[in-house]
Amino acid sequence: MASKLQNSVRRAARVRRSLKKVANGRPRLSVYRSAQNIYAQVIDDVAGHTLAAASTLEKDLRGALKSRASTDAAAAVGKLLAERAVKAGVKEVVFDRGAYL
């Protein structure tokens, strides 16, 4: 019997595999939410490197937020990531939901 972690890894790999089929060269937006912080990055799978990244751990956001895991924090991280992605020349992304259903 597979553990919860093994099932989660398998789900994430399945989602990533299906994204490659529909991405058409677009970068992938990956979001990770822990109990205390939010992390987001735009990844170019063809070149194999990160184009832009943002999290609630950054100095720009840390002082301005009451909680680093709230919806306000997620909006701030999204806005910062969007600015950095546009600066890097990204116009469209494919959302990678990972193992979240």
C-alpha atoms as a PDB file:
ATOM      1  CA  MET A   1       0.000   0.000   0.000  1.00  0.00           C
ATOM      2  CA  ALA A   2       1.373   3.401  -1.012  1.00  0.00           C
ATOM      3  CA  SER A   3       1.846   6.106   1.589  1.00  0.00           C
ATOM      4  CA  LYS A   4       0.338   9.593   1.353  1.00  0.00           C
ATOM      5  CA  LEU A   5       3.693  11.024   0.313  1.00  0.00           C
ATOM      6  CA  GLN A   6       4.161   8.466  -2.461  1.00  0.00           C
ATOM      7  CA  ASN A   7       0.648   9.143  -3.747  1.00  0.00           C
ATOM      8  CA  SER A   8       1.324  12.889  -3.689  1.00  0.00           C
ATOM      9  CA  VAL A   9       4.576  12.518  -5.643  1.00  0.00           C
ATOM     10  CA  ARG A  10       2.852  10.276  -8.165  1.00  0.00           C
ATOM     11  CA  ARG A  11      -0.022  12.785  -8.608  1.00  0.00           C
ATOM     12  CA  ALA A  12       2.410  15.691  -9.104  1.00  0.00           C
ATOM     13  CA  ALA A  13       4.374  13.733 -11.721  1.00  0.00           C
ATOM     14  CA  ARG A  14       1.155  12.828 -13.543  1.00  0.00           C
ATOM     15  CA  VAL A  15       0.045  16.474 -13.636  1.00  0.00           C
ATOM     16  CA  ARG A  16       3.474  17.619 -14.845  1.00  0.00           C
ATOM     17  CA  ARG A  17       3.464  14.972 -17.585  1.00  0.00           C
ATOM     18  CA  SER A  18       0.075  16.143 -18.838  1.00  0.00           C
ATOM     19  CA  LEU A  19       1.199  19.792 -18.732  1.00  0.00           C
ATOM     20  CA  LYS A  20       4.067  19.059 -21.096  1.00  0.00           C
ATOM     21  CA  LYS A  21       1.537  17.925 -23.694  1.00  0.00           C
ATOM     22  CA  VAL A  22      -0.487  21.160 -23.615  1.00  0.00           C
ATOM     23  CA  ALA A  23       2.211  23.717 -22.719  1.00  0.00           C
ATOM     24  CA  ASN A  24       3.344  24.429 -26.310  1.00  0.00           C
ATOM     25  CA  GLY A  25       6.567  26.002 -25.070  1.00  0.00           C
ATOM     26  CA  ARG A  26       4.927  28.158 -22.412  1.00  0.00           C
ATOM     27  CA  PRO A  27       6.631  28.334 -19.014  1.00  0.00           C
ATOM     28  CA  ARG A  28       5.084  26.639 -15.991  1.00  0.00           C
ATOM     29  CA  LEU A  29       3.803  28.517 -12.918  1.00  0.00           C
ATOM     30  CA  SER A  30       4.412  26.425  -9.817  1.00  0.00           C
ATOM     31  CA  VAL A  31       2.966  27.466  -6.445  1.00  0.00           C
ATOM     32  CA  TYR A  32       3.849  25.867  -3.128  1.00  0.00           C
ATOM     33  CA  ARG A  33       1.970  26.658   0.059  1.00  0.00           C
ATOM     34  CA  SER A  34       3.419  25.620   3.387  1.00  0.00           C
ATOM     35  CA  ALA A  35       1.829  26.188   6.784  1.00  0.00           C
ATOM     36  CA  GLN A  36       3.691  29.479   7.237  1.00  0.00           C
ATOM     37  CA  ASN A  37       4.760  30.758   3.808  1.00  0.00           C
ATOM     38  CA  ILE A  38       3.838  30.902   0.125  1.00  0.00           C
ATOM     39  CA  TYR A  39       6.328  30.319  -2.689  1.00  0.00           C
ATOM     40  CA  ALA A  40       5.778  30.768  -6.433  1.00  0.00           C
ATOM     41  CA  GLN A  41       8.037  30.438  -9.450  1.00  0.00           C
ATOM     42  CA  VAL A  42       7.853  30.518 -13.227  1.00  0.00           C
ATOM     43  CA  ILE A  43       9.901  27.683 -14.717  1.00  0.00           C
ATOM     44  CA  ASP A  44      11.061  27.176 -18.304  1.00  0.00           C
ATOM     45  CA  ASP A  45      11.011  23.388 -18.714  1.00  0.00           C
ATOM     46  CA  VAL A  46      12.646  23.475 -22.142  1.00  0.00           C
ATOM     47  CA  ALA A  47      15.767  25.283 -20.886  1.00  0.00           C
ATOM     48  CA  GLY A  48      15.472  23.817 -17.403  1.00  0.00           C
ATOM     49  CA  HIS A  49      15.778  26.989 -15.351  1.00  0.00           C
ATOM     50  CA  THR A  50      13.663  29.391 -13.298  1.00  0.00           C
ATOM     51  CA  LEU A  51      12.642  32.639 -15.001  1.00  0.00           C
ATOM     52  CA  ALA A  52      11.111  34.414 -11.990  1.00  0.00           C
ATOM     53  CA  ALA A  53      10.402  33.606  -8.359  1.00  0.00           C
ATOM     54  CA  ALA A  54       8.782  35.232  -5.328  1.00  0.00           C
ATOM     55  CA  SER A  55       7.886  34.220  -1.786  1.00  0.00           C
ATOM     56  CA  THR A  56       6.651  35.684   1.477  1.00  0.00           C
ATOM     57  CA  LEU A  57      10.161  35.349   2.893  1.00  0.00           C
ATOM     58  CA  GLU A  58      11.432  38.307   0.868  1.00  0.00           C
ATOM     59  CA  LYS A  59      12.275  41.532   2.656  1.00  0.00           C
ATOM     60  CA  ASP A  60       9.950  43.544   0.407  1.00  0.00           C
ATOM     61  CA  LEU A  61       6.923  41.583   1.601  1.00  0.00           C
ATOM     62  CA  ARG A  62       7.863  40.560   5.127  1.00  0.00           C
ATOM     63  CA  GLY A  63       7.268  43.936   6.764  1.00  0.00           C
ATOM     64  CA  ALA A  64       4.092  44.743   4.848  1.00  0.00           C
ATOM     65  CA  LEU A  65       2.172  41.566   5.718  1.00  0.00           C
ATOM     66  CA  LYS A  66       0.396  40.634   8.925  1.00  0.00           C
ATOM     67  CA  SER A  67       0.423  36.921   8.145  1.00  0.00           C
ATOM     68  CA  ARG A  68       2.687  35.245   5.600  1.00  0.00           C
ATOM     69  CA  ALA A  69       0.149  32.492   4.792  1.00  0.00           C
ATOM     70  CA  SER A  70      -3.002  34.555   4.233  1.00  0.00           C
ATOM     71  CA  THR A  71      -4.833  35.376   1.026  1.00  0.00           C
ATOM     72  CA  ASP A  72      -3.429  38.907   1.219  1.00  0.00           C
ATOM     73  CA  ALA A  73       0.070  37.413   1.278  1.00  0.00           C
ATOM     74  CA  ALA A  74      -0.769  35.218  -1.713  1.00  0.00           C
ATOM     75  CA  ALA A  75      -1.991  38.258  -3.652  1.00  0.00           C
ATOM     76  CA  ALA A  76       1.194  40.175  -2.818  1.00  0.00           C
ATOM     77  CA  VAL A  77       3.387  37.257  -3.900  1.00  0.00           C
ATOM     78  CA  GLY A  78       1.383  36.927  -7.127  1.00  0.00           C
ATOM     79  CA  LYS A  79       1.742  40.615  -7.928  1.00  0.00           C
ATOM     80  CA  LEU A  80       5.498  40.564  -7.274  1.00  0.00           C
ATOM     81  CA  LEU A  81       5.922  37.402  -9.351  1.00  0.00           C
ATOM     82  CA  ALA A  82       3.895  38.891 -12.227  1.00  0.00           C
ATOM     83  CA  GLU A  83       6.090  42.004 -12.289  1.00  0.00           C
ATOM     84  CA  ARG A  84       9.248  39.894 -12.376  1.00  0.00           C
ATOM     85  CA  ALA A  85       7.852  37.534 -15.030  1.00  0.00           C
ATOM     86  CA  VAL A  86       6.859  40.402 -17.324  1.00  0.00           C
ATOM     87  CA  LYS A  87      10.325  41.878 -16.858  1.00  0.00           C
ATOM     88  CA  ALA A  88      11.778  38.502 -17.914  1.00  0.00           C
ATOM     89  CA  GLY A  89       9.624  38.534 -21.065  1.00  0.00           C
ATOM     90  CA  VAL A  90       6.933  36.038 -20.032  1.00  0.00           C
ATOM     91  CA  LYS A  91       3.466  36.714 -21.445  1.00  0.00           C
ATOM     92  CA  GLU A  92       1.637  33.404 -20.824  1.00  0.00           C
ATOM     93  CA  VAL A  93       2.130  30.546 -18.386  1.00  0.00           C
ATOM     94  CA  VAL A  94       0.631  27.139 -17.712  1.00  0.00           C
ATOM     95  CA  PHE A  95      -0.518  26.648 -14.118  1.00  0.00           C
ATOM     96  CA  ASP A  96       1.022  23.612 -12.435  1.00  0.00           C
ATOM     97  CA  ARG A  97      -1.270  22.618  -9.593  1.00  0.00           C
ATOM     98  CA  GLY A  98       1.176  19.934  -8.476  1.00  0.00           C
ATOM     99  CA  ALA A  99      -0.308  17.292  -6.218  1.00  0.00           C
ATOM    100  CA  TYR A 100      -3.212  19.477  -5.051  1.00  0.00           C
ATOM    101  CA  LEU A 101      -6.591  18.219  -6.224  1.00  0.00           C
END
